[in-house]
Amino acid sequence: MTKQQMLQFVTVERDMPNKRPPDLRADDFNEIYADYAREKAKVQAARCSQCGVPYCQSHCPLHNNIPDWLRLTAEGRLQEAYEISQATNTFPEICGRICPQDRLCEGNCVIEQSGHGTVTIGAIEKYITDTAWEEGWVKPIAPHSERRESVGIIGAGPGGLAAADILRKQGVQVTVYDRYDRAGGLLTYGIPGFKLEKDVVMKRIDQLEKGGVTFKMNCNVGEDISFTDLQKTHDAILIATGVYKSRDLPAPGVGAKGVVRAIDYLTASNRKSFGDTVPEFDNGELNADGKRVVVIGGGDTAMDCVRTAVRQGATSVKCLYRRDKANMPGSQREVANAEEEGVEFVWLSAPKGFTGDVIDGVMVQKMRLGAPDATGRQAPEVIEGSDYIEGADLVIKALGFEPEELPALWDVPELEVTRWGTIKADFETHATSLQGVYACGDIQRGASLVVWAIRDGCEAAEAILDQINQAAAVAAE
């Protein structure tokens, strides 16, 4: 296929996979998009302009070679497309589903900027990798030779799993420690199935296990095993815990029964999808069925909460956000999906307090946007005398996450942290203040995207390989 044959964006319109109707998809937790058919994927991939400076690639944190695997897809060479995709991304089937492409690759597509509608990069990436799984092209890791060196990874989220993948391919012995009973971190317990079905995550974890990665689950570092013991056991340690401490809301009545954290709410829902017994869900504490639900926040976690509440049978779902739609941090695509499913967004509104020992309402104060704050975003200001009560039976706080105090929890005061509580580490090597200890993902950069955690995990793994290779070379002299 020639470059000219690729330039189909002039005559072929952007066409996403079919989206299930809102009234049908709101009844289950299945993914909302259908799969591309082979011919449709080829046609959509052929819309790529194959531009000389691929902004899609440069704006991808992993710098995926997007134009090449789009061209290979258009030519019907899917296995080669998968191999190109897998070369830079350990989990393309996950990124294809949950990356905010509208802010990254697709949002910087040249043909989008010329008014033709971006190439459907995320949907094609998902199609390529799902086909690879179906055809058996995804194989367990098989290193050419085994090495004696071992690395301990604390945290089985995307950053830790990406590092495990890179290290095992080089024959390093890898053990992943995680406090939960299933690996995956927020991929497993934080993101709802309608965005990322759980068998997708479990297949990748199974592939890592078959490739020789050892998982030690229900293992809480600092309680079940000390950080010092891990240092004695392994040649290097990677801290990839993520950030799980929920930001709180200092407001009257915040301790009322029925005011819950987003992480608890989403974890309970995802556990039910696995068939687990979840008392807090079954007794209604973390279940939206038949309730007036108010979610506080404007990020992707808030979008996950409102859309989960719809599926659980809430009588109404409202999202309070203190800025307007144009200034919210969450994906505009997710906002659109939520609106289609019946969620009401109450813009320029913030909670002032909560009424009832058992929650029955949120005291809301209306806001307006004033002068820009330190980040350049317009700071919200209270409109005096505009308060009102919003009835609620369940309030979900989705205000973001902060790091836990790991030096204190793990009894390693020499582990340096930033003023935000994140682990202080080099942003190229990911080396911390402790020799042989590295950090990656949200625990280093703060709450961010899965794709950034994957990139960090890959970079940290490469730095660890450099360390153990240098040590091996010295020992051989």
Protein backbone atom coordinates (compact mmCIF):
# COMPACT_ATOMS: atom_id res chain seq x y z
CA MET A 1 0.00 0.00 0.00
CA THR A 2 1.45 3.34 -1.01
CA LYS A 3 1.40 6.49 1.08
CA GLN A 4 -1.18 7.92 -1.31
CA GLN A 5 -3.44 4.91 -0.68
CA MET A 6 -3.13 5.66 3.04
CA LEU A 7 -4.42 9.22 2.73
CA GLN A 8 -8.08 8.25 2.93
CA PHE A 9 -9.11 10.92 5.43
CA VAL A 10 -10.24 13.19 2.58
CA THR A 11 -12.89 10.74 1.36
CA VAL A 12 -13.48 8.47 4.40
CA GLU A 13 -15.05 9.93 7.52
CA ARG A 14 -14.00 9.06 11.05
CA ASP A 15 -16.07 6.12 12.26
CA MET A 16 -15.78 4.74 15.77
CA PRO A 17 -16.89 1.21 16.66
CA ASN A 18 -20.62 1.07 17.32
CA LYS A 19 -21.59 2.18 20.80
CA ARG A 20 -24.34 0.26 22.54
CA PRO A 21 -27.47 2.36 23.21
CA PRO A 22 -27.46 4.05 26.64
CA ASP A 23 -30.59 2.25 27.86
CA LEU A 24 -28.99 -1.14 27.15
CA ARG A 25 -25.46 -0.49 28.38
CA ALA A 26 -26.71 1.08 31.63
CA ASP A 27 -28.04 -2.34 32.66
CA ASP A 28 -24.67 -4.08 32.79
CA PHE A 29 -20.93 -3.58 33.31
CA ASN A 30 -19.85 -4.79 29.88
CA GLU A 31 -17.72 -2.53 27.69
CA ILE A 32 -19.85 -0.05 25.78
CA TYR A 33 -18.07 -0.23 22.40
CA ALA A 34 -18.43 -3.12 19.97
CA ASP A 35 -15.36 -4.50 18.23
CA TYR A 36 -14.26 -3.33 14.82
CA ALA A 37 -14.80 -5.74 11.96
CA ARG A 38 -11.58 -6.49 10.06
CA GLU A 39 -12.48 -4.47 6.96
CA LYS A 40 -13.71 -1.49 8.97
CA ALA A 41 -10.48 -1.42 10.97
CA LYS A 42 -8.47 -1.49 7.73
CA VAL A 43 -10.49 1.37 6.25
CA GLN A 44 -10.20 3.52 9.38
CA ALA A 45 -6.46 2.86 9.68
CA ALA A 46 -6.05 3.93 6.04
CA ARG A 47 -7.26 7.42 7.02
CA CYS A 48 -3.82 8.08 8.57
CA SER A 49 -1.90 10.78 6.70
CA GLN A 50 1.51 9.18 7.48
CA CYS A 51 2.79 12.67 8.21
CA GLY A 52 6.50 13.39 8.40
CA VAL A 53 6.33 14.55 12.03
CA PRO A 54 3.81 12.25 13.75
CA TYR A 55 2.39 14.33 16.58
CA CYS A 56 0.33 11.32 17.68
CA GLN A 57 3.58 9.51 18.45
CA SER A 58 5.35 12.44 20.09
CA HIS A 59 2.36 13.15 22.36
CA CYS A 60 2.07 9.52 23.46
CA PRO A 61 3.95 9.02 26.76
CA LEU A 62 5.23 5.69 25.42
CA HIS A 63 6.06 7.17 21.99
CA ASN A 64 4.25 4.28 20.35
CA ASN A 65 5.06 3.90 16.65
CA ILE A 66 1.45 4.66 15.73
CA PRO A 67 1.81 5.52 12.01
CA ASP A 68 3.58 2.22 11.30
CA TRP A 69 1.02 -0.02 12.97
CA LEU A 70 -1.80 1.94 11.37
CA ARG A 71 -0.23 1.33 7.94
CA LEU A 72 0.26 -2.38 8.68
CA THR A 73 -3.37 -2.65 9.82
CA ALA A 74 -4.54 -0.96 6.62
CA GLU A 75 -2.50 -3.54 4.67
CA GLY A 76 -4.05 -6.42 6.62
CA ARG A 77 -0.71 -7.32 8.24
CA LEU A 78 -2.13 -7.54 11.75
CA GLN A 79 0.48 -9.76 13.36
CA GLU A 80 3.21 -7.35 12.31
CA ALA A 81 1.06 -4.47 13.55
CA TYR A 82 0.77 -6.18 16.92
CA GLU A 83 4.53 -6.75 17.12
CA ILE A 84 5.19 -3.06 16.42
CA SER A 85 2.59 -2.06 19.01
CA GLN A 86 3.94 -4.48 21.64
CA ALA A 87 7.52 -3.29 21.09
CA THR A 88 6.89 -0.03 22.96
CA ASN A 89 3.84 -0.87 25.06
CA THR A 90 3.65 -3.80 27.44
CA PHE A 91 -0.16 -3.58 27.64
CA PRO A 92 -1.61 -2.15 24.39
CA GLU A 93 -5.00 -3.81 24.91
CA ILE A 94 -5.35 -1.86 28.16
CA CYS A 95 -4.14 1.49 26.80
CA GLY A 96 -6.43 1.10 23.78
CA ARG A 97 -9.36 0.95 26.18
CA ILE A 98 -8.60 3.44 28.93
CA CYS A 99 -6.10 6.01 27.64
CA PRO A 100 -7.63 9.47 27.18
CA GLN A 101 -6.77 9.51 23.49
CA ASP A 102 -8.69 12.76 23.08
CA ARG A 103 -5.98 14.43 25.20
CA LEU A 104 -2.99 12.51 23.86
CA CYS A 105 -2.50 10.84 20.45
CA GLU A 106 -5.88 11.55 18.85
CA GLY A 107 -6.05 15.04 20.25
CA ASN A 108 -2.83 15.90 18.43
CA CYS A 109 -3.60 14.14 15.14
CA VAL A 110 -2.75 16.38 12.16
CA ILE A 111 -5.91 15.55 10.24
CA GLU A 112 -7.99 16.40 13.31
CA GLN A 113 -6.43 19.85 13.30
CA SER A 114 -7.29 20.22 9.61
CA GLY A 115 -10.95 19.51 10.29
CA HIS A 116 -11.26 15.95 8.99
CA GLY A 117 -11.72 14.12 12.29
CA THR A 118 -8.90 12.25 13.97
CA VAL A 119 -7.88 8.69 13.19
CA THR A 120 -9.52 6.30 15.68
CA ILE A 121 -6.15 5.32 17.13
CA GLY A 122 -7.36 3.87 20.45
CA ALA A 123 -10.05 1.69 18.89
CA ILE A 124 -7.62 0.32 16.31
CA GLU A 125 -5.00 -0.39 19.00
CA LYS A 126 -7.62 -2.34 20.95
CA TYR A 127 -8.64 -4.23 17.80
CA ILE A 128 -5.04 -5.19 16.95
CA THR A 129 -4.30 -6.60 20.40
CA ASP A 130 -7.64 -8.34 20.89
CA THR A 131 -7.00 -10.05 17.55
CA ALA A 132 -3.51 -11.00 18.76
CA TRP A 133 -4.98 -12.73 21.81
CA GLU A 134 -7.59 -14.53 19.72
CA GLU A 135 -4.99 -15.73 17.21
CA GLY A 136 -2.50 -16.86 19.87
CA TRP A 137 0.17 -14.32 18.93
CA VAL A 138 0.57 -13.23 22.58
CA LYS A 139 3.06 -15.66 24.09
CA PRO A 140 4.38 -16.13 27.63
CA ILE A 141 7.72 -14.49 28.28
CA ALA A 142 10.58 -16.80 27.32
CA PRO A 143 13.99 -15.30 28.16
CA HIS A 144 16.99 -16.68 26.27
CA SER A 145 18.72 -17.44 29.58
CA GLU A 146 17.98 -17.15 33.28
CA ARG A 147 19.90 -14.81 35.55
CA ARG A 148 20.57 -15.21 39.26
CA GLU A 149 19.77 -11.57 40.10
CA SER A 150 16.37 -10.86 41.59
CA VAL A 151 14.22 -7.77 41.82
CA GLY A 152 11.39 -7.18 44.29
CA ILE A 153 8.53 -4.99 43.05
CA ILE A 154 6.16 -3.51 45.61
CA GLY A 155 2.82 -2.98 43.92
CA ALA A 156 1.06 -4.98 41.20
CA GLY A 157 -0.42 -2.02 39.36
CA PRO A 158 0.45 -0.95 35.81
CA GLY A 159 3.88 0.47 36.67
CA GLY A 160 4.99 -2.58 38.61
CA LEU A 161 3.61 -5.00 36.01
CA ALA A 162 5.30 -3.14 33.14
CA ALA A 163 8.63 -3.32 34.96
CA ALA A 164 8.11 -7.02 35.71
CA ASP A 165 7.53 -7.67 32.01
CA ILE A 166 10.76 -5.90 30.94
CA LEU A 167 12.88 -7.54 33.64
CA ARG A 168 11.62 -11.07 33.02
CA LYS A 169 12.32 -10.78 29.30
CA GLN A 170 15.97 -10.35 30.31
CA GLY A 171 15.87 -13.40 32.56
CA VAL A 172 15.85 -11.53 35.87
CA GLN A 173 14.03 -13.24 38.75
CA VAL A 174 11.04 -11.05 39.63
CA THR A 175 8.78 -11.16 42.67
CA VAL A 176 5.81 -8.79 42.91
CA TYR A 177 4.40 -8.03 46.37
CA ASP A 178 0.91 -6.56 46.71
CA ARG A 179 -1.50 -5.98 49.57
CA TYR A 180 -4.57 -7.10 47.60
CA ASP A 181 -5.74 -10.59 46.72
CA ARG A 182 -5.56 -9.99 42.95
CA ALA A 183 -2.89 -8.28 40.92
CA GLY A 184 -3.61 -5.27 38.72
CA GLY A 185 -4.03 -2.47 41.24
CA LEU A 186 -6.50 0.13 40.02
CA LEU A 187 -6.79 -1.76 36.72
CA THR A 188 -8.49 -4.53 38.71
CA TYR A 189 -10.30 -2.77 41.55
CA GLY A 190 -10.50 0.90 40.55
CA ILE A 191 -11.60 1.01 36.91
CA PRO A 192 -15.12 -0.31 36.19
CA GLY A 193 -15.74 -3.14 33.77
CA PHE A 194 -17.60 -0.95 31.27
CA LYS A 195 -14.24 0.73 30.56
CA LEU A 196 -11.97 -2.25 31.14
CA GLU A 197 -13.45 -5.72 31.42
CA LYS A 198 -11.61 -7.69 34.06
CA ASP A 199 -10.76 -10.71 31.94
CA VAL A 200 -8.55 -8.38 29.87
CA VAL A 201 -6.43 -7.62 32.95
CA MET A 202 -6.46 -11.19 34.24
CA LYS A 203 -5.21 -12.55 30.90
CA ARG A 204 -2.18 -10.29 31.01
CA ILE A 205 -1.40 -11.21 34.64
CA ASP A 206 -1.71 -14.89 33.75
CA GLN A 207 0.73 -14.33 30.87
CA LEU A 208 3.23 -12.76 33.29
CA GLU A 209 2.85 -15.67 35.74
CA LYS A 210 3.41 -18.21 32.97
CA GLY A 211 6.48 -16.21 32.00
CA GLY A 212 8.00 -16.69 35.44
CA VAL A 213 6.90 -13.64 37.45
CA THR A 214 6.16 -14.63 41.05
CA PHE A 215 3.22 -12.87 42.71
CA LYS A 216 2.94 -12.70 46.50
CA MET A 217 -0.56 -11.44 47.15
CA ASN A 218 -2.19 -10.37 50.44
CA CYS A 219 1.29 -9.21 51.41
CA ASN A 220 1.40 -5.84 53.12
CA VAL A 221 4.93 -4.46 53.26
CA GLY A 222 5.61 -3.13 56.74
CA GLU A 223 3.30 -5.70 58.33
CA ASP A 224 3.69 -9.10 56.66
CA ILE A 225 7.26 -8.46 55.56
CA SER A 226 9.63 -5.63 56.37
CA PHE A 227 11.17 -3.35 53.79
CA THR A 228 14.60 -4.20 55.24
CA ASP A 229 14.00 -7.91 54.63
CA LEU A 230 13.08 -7.15 51.02
CA GLN A 231 16.35 -5.28 50.58
CA LYS A 232 18.25 -8.29 51.93
CA THR A 233 16.33 -10.67 49.66
CA HIS A 234 16.68 -8.83 46.34
CA ASP A 235 19.38 -7.12 44.33
CA ALA A 236 17.07 -4.17 43.67
CA ILE A 237 13.69 -2.93 44.85
CA LEU A 238 11.10 -1.04 42.81
CA ILE A 239 8.41 0.88 44.69
CA ALA A 240 5.29 0.97 42.51
CA THR A 241 2.54 1.23 45.12
CA GLY A 242 0.47 3.92 43.45
CA VAL A 243 -1.38 6.46 45.60
CA TYR A 244 -4.40 5.22 47.52
CA LYS A 245 -4.91 7.76 50.29
CA SER A 246 -8.12 9.63 49.43
CA ARG A 247 -8.18 13.40 49.75
CA ASP A 248 -10.72 14.41 52.33
CA LEU A 249 -13.24 17.22 52.44
CA PRO A 250 -13.14 19.38 55.58
CA ALA A 251 -16.82 20.24 55.82
CA PRO A 252 -19.51 19.94 58.50
CA GLY A 253 -21.21 16.55 58.49
CA VAL A 254 -18.59 14.84 56.32
CA GLY A 255 -18.56 11.92 58.75
CA ALA A 256 -22.27 11.19 58.25
CA LYS A 257 -23.27 7.64 57.40
CA GLY A 258 -23.63 7.46 53.62
CA VAL A 259 -20.70 9.74 52.77
CA VAL A 260 -18.10 7.36 51.29
CA ARG A 261 -14.76 7.36 49.50
CA ALA A 262 -14.65 6.70 45.77
CA ILE A 263 -11.98 4.00 46.12
CA ASP A 264 -14.12 2.04 48.58
CA TYR A 265 -17.20 2.39 46.40
CA LEU A 266 -15.47 1.31 43.17
CA THR A 267 -13.58 -1.53 44.84
CA ALA A 268 -16.81 -2.97 46.26
CA SER A 269 -18.47 -2.82 42.84
CA ASN A 270 -15.51 -4.46 41.09
CA ARG A 271 -15.30 -7.19 43.72
CA LYS A 272 -18.95 -8.01 43.07
CA SER A 273 -18.12 -8.38 39.38
CA PHE A 274 -15.62 -11.09 40.36
CA GLY A 275 -18.33 -12.85 42.37
CA ASP A 276 -16.77 -11.99 45.74
CA THR A 277 -18.81 -11.68 48.93
CA VAL A 278 -18.86 -7.96 49.77
CA PRO A 279 -20.84 -7.26 52.98
CA GLU A 280 -20.62 -3.47 52.55
CA PHE A 281 -22.27 -3.81 49.14
CA ASP A 282 -24.87 -6.34 50.20
CA ASN A 283 -26.01 -4.25 53.19
CA GLY A 284 -26.39 -1.17 50.98
CA GLU A 285 -23.53 0.89 52.41
CA LEU A 286 -21.59 0.87 49.12
CA ASN A 287 -24.49 0.20 46.79
CA ALA A 288 -26.39 2.91 44.90
CA ASP A 289 -29.51 0.85 44.19
CA GLY A 290 -32.65 2.94 44.74
CA LYS A 291 -30.72 5.94 46.03
CA ARG A 292 -30.24 9.59 45.13
CA VAL A 293 -26.51 9.72 44.46
CA VAL A 294 -24.28 12.78 44.51
CA VAL A 295 -20.67 12.46 43.38
CA ILE A 296 -18.24 15.23 44.27
CA GLY A 297 -15.36 15.78 41.84
CA GLY A 298 -14.60 16.30 38.16
CA GLY A 299 -11.88 13.79 37.30
CA ASP A 300 -12.01 10.38 35.66
CA THR A 301 -12.60 8.71 39.04
CA ALA A 302 -15.75 10.80 39.46
CA MET A 303 -16.87 9.71 35.98
CA ASP A 304 -16.31 6.08 36.97
CA CYS A 305 -18.44 6.60 40.08
CA VAL A 306 -21.40 8.29 38.38
CA ARG A 307 -21.55 5.70 35.61
CA THR A 308 -21.29 2.86 38.14
CA ALA A 309 -24.16 4.34 40.16
CA VAL A 310 -26.36 4.40 37.06
CA ARG A 311 -25.70 0.69 36.51
CA GLN A 312 -26.45 -0.14 40.13
CA GLY A 313 -29.95 1.29 39.79
CA ALA A 314 -29.70 4.73 41.41
CA THR A 315 -32.91 6.78 41.17
CA SER A 316 -30.85 9.87 40.28
CA VAL A 317 -27.15 10.61 39.80
CA LYS A 318 -25.69 14.10 40.03
CA CYS A 319 -22.08 15.22 39.79
CA LEU A 320 -21.01 18.40 41.57
CA TYR A 321 -17.94 20.16 40.20
CA ARG A 322 -16.66 23.55 41.30
CA ARG A 323 -15.55 24.67 37.82
CA ASP A 324 -17.34 24.56 34.47
CA LYS A 325 -17.32 21.83 31.83
CA ALA A 326 -14.48 23.39 29.86
CA ASN A 327 -12.20 23.38 32.91
CA MET A 328 -12.85 19.94 34.32
CA PRO A 329 -9.88 17.53 34.46
CA GLY A 330 -11.77 14.42 33.37
CA SER A 331 -12.07 13.09 29.83
CA GLN A 332 -14.70 14.89 27.75
CA ARG A 333 -15.49 11.54 26.14
CA GLU A 334 -16.36 10.11 29.55
CA VAL A 335 -18.52 13.13 30.37
CA ALA A 336 -20.42 12.59 27.12
CA ASN A 337 -20.92 8.90 27.92
CA ALA A 338 -22.19 9.77 31.38
CA GLU A 339 -24.61 12.39 30.06
CA GLU A 340 -25.98 9.86 27.55
CA GLU A 341 -26.60 7.47 30.44
CA GLY A 342 -28.61 10.00 32.40
CA VAL A 343 -26.08 11.62 34.73
CA GLU A 344 -26.77 15.27 35.56
CA PHE A 345 -23.74 17.53 35.90
CA VAL A 346 -24.11 20.48 38.24
CA TRP A 347 -21.33 22.79 37.14
CA LEU A 348 -19.86 25.62 39.25
CA SER A 349 -21.07 23.98 42.45
CA ALA A 350 -19.21 22.88 45.57
CA PRO A 351 -20.25 21.16 48.80
CA LYS A 352 -20.36 23.32 51.90
CA GLY A 353 -21.50 20.60 54.28
CA PHE A 354 -23.80 17.62 54.73
CA THR A 355 -27.10 17.23 56.54
CA GLY A 356 -28.31 14.36 58.69
CA ASP A 357 -26.51 11.79 60.85
CA VAL A 358 -27.51 9.45 58.06
CA ILE A 359 -26.95 11.54 54.97
CA ASP A 360 -30.06 13.16 53.52
CA GLY A 361 -28.63 16.19 51.76
CA VAL A 362 -25.62 18.15 50.54
CA MET A 363 -25.33 21.85 51.32
CA VAL A 364 -24.27 23.28 47.95
CA GLN A 365 -22.77 26.69 47.27
CA LYS A 366 -22.72 28.09 43.75
CA MET A 367 -19.43 29.28 42.30
CA ARG A 368 -18.11 31.54 39.55
CA LEU A 369 -14.71 31.52 37.88
CA GLY A 370 -12.37 34.30 38.90
CA ALA A 371 -8.72 35.05 38.21
CA PRO A 372 -6.41 32.19 37.14
CA ASP A 373 -4.66 30.27 39.92
CA ALA A 374 -1.01 29.19 40.02
CA THR A 375 -1.64 26.52 37.37
CA GLY A 376 -3.25 28.99 34.98
CA ARG A 377 -6.77 27.68 35.54
CA GLN A 378 -9.44 30.11 36.65
CA ALA A 379 -9.94 29.86 40.39
CA PRO A 380 -13.51 29.24 41.56
CA GLU A 381 -15.08 31.85 43.85
CA VAL A 382 -18.15 31.50 46.05
CA ILE A 383 -21.29 33.40 45.05
CA GLU A 384 -22.59 34.67 48.38
CA GLY A 385 -26.21 33.89 49.20
CA SER A 386 -26.53 31.17 46.57
CA ASP A 387 -26.55 28.14 48.89
CA TYR A 388 -29.15 25.40 48.59
CA ILE A 389 -29.72 21.81 49.74
CA GLU A 390 -29.36 18.94 47.26
CA GLY A 391 -31.15 15.81 48.46
CA ALA A 392 -28.93 12.73 48.66
CA ASP A 393 -28.94 9.20 50.09
CA LEU A 394 -25.36 8.39 49.04
CA VAL A 395 -22.51 10.86 48.60
CA ILE A 396 -19.28 9.70 46.96
CA LYS A 397 -16.12 11.76 47.45
CA ALA A 398 -14.00 11.58 44.29
CA LEU A 399 -11.50 14.29 45.14
CA GLY A 400 -8.30 12.58 44.05
CA PHE A 401 -5.58 10.61 45.79
CA GLU A 402 -2.47 11.36 47.83
CA PRO A 403 0.51 9.18 48.73
CA GLU A 404 0.65 7.24 51.97
CA GLU A 405 3.49 8.03 54.38
CA LEU A 406 5.67 5.14 53.24
CA PRO A 407 8.85 6.03 55.21
CA ALA A 408 6.83 5.83 58.44
CA LEU A 409 4.72 2.83 57.40
CA TRP A 410 7.81 0.88 56.35
CA ASP A 411 10.15 2.19 59.06
CA VAL A 412 12.65 3.57 56.56
CA PRO A 413 13.02 7.26 57.51
CA GLU A 414 16.02 7.57 55.17
CA LEU A 415 13.70 7.10 52.16
CA GLU A 416 13.35 10.70 50.97
CA VAL A 417 10.00 12.13 49.90
CA THR A 418 8.97 15.38 48.26
CA ARG A 419 6.92 18.08 49.95
CA TRP A 420 3.85 16.40 48.44
CA GLY A 421 4.72 13.08 50.07
CA THR A 422 5.66 11.32 46.83
CA ILE A 423 8.90 9.33 46.70
CA LYS A 424 11.81 11.56 45.67
CA ALA A 425 13.41 9.86 42.68
CA ASP A 426 15.27 10.78 39.51
CA PHE A 427 12.83 11.16 36.61
CA GLU A 428 15.15 9.37 34.17
CA THR A 429 16.64 6.53 36.23
CA HIS A 430 13.89 6.51 38.89
CA ALA A 431 16.61 5.95 41.53
CA THR A 432 15.64 7.02 45.07
CA SER A 433 17.82 8.19 47.95
CA LEU A 434 18.44 4.54 48.90
CA GLN A 435 21.02 2.50 47.01
CA GLY A 436 19.37 -0.12 44.82
CA VAL A 437 15.86 1.23 45.45
CA TYR A 438 13.77 2.75 42.65
CA ALA A 439 10.29 4.24 42.36
CA CYS A 440 7.85 4.62 39.47
CA GLY A 441 4.31 5.59 38.63
CA ASP A 442 1.95 7.59 40.81
CA ILE A 443 4.02 7.13 43.99
CA GLN A 444 6.75 9.13 42.23
CA ARG A 445 4.86 11.58 39.98
CA GLY A 446 1.56 11.87 41.88
CA ALA A 447 -1.85 10.65 40.69
CA SER A 448 -1.67 10.42 36.91
CA LEU A 449 -2.56 8.26 33.91
CA VAL A 450 -2.03 4.52 33.52
CA VAL A 451 0.06 5.13 30.40
CA TRP A 452 2.50 7.29 32.38
CA ALA A 453 2.83 4.56 35.01
CA ILE A 454 3.63 2.05 32.25
CA ARG A 455 6.28 4.36 30.83
CA ASP A 456 7.81 4.90 34.28
CA GLY A 457 7.84 1.17 34.96
CA CYS A 458 9.66 0.46 31.70
CA GLU A 459 12.23 3.20 32.35
CA ALA A 460 12.82 2.00 35.91
CA ALA A 461 13.30 -1.57 34.69
CA GLU A 462 15.94 -0.42 32.20
CA ALA A 463 17.77 1.47 34.96
CA ILE A 464 17.66 -1.58 37.23
CA LEU A 465 19.08 -3.71 34.42
CA ASP A 466 21.92 -1.20 34.04
CA GLN A 467 22.62 -1.48 37.79
CA ILE A 468 22.71 -5.27 37.93
CA ASN A 469 24.72 -5.48 34.69
CA GLN A 470 27.33 -3.12 36.12
CA ALA A 471 27.44 -5.12 39.33
CA ALA A 472 27.85 -8.35 37.37
CA ALA A 473 30.66 -6.84 35.32
CA VAL A 474 32.51 -5.73 38.48
CA ALA A 475 32.06 -9.17 40.04
CA ALA A 476 33.48 -10.82 36.92
CA GLU A 477 36.70 -8.78 37.02
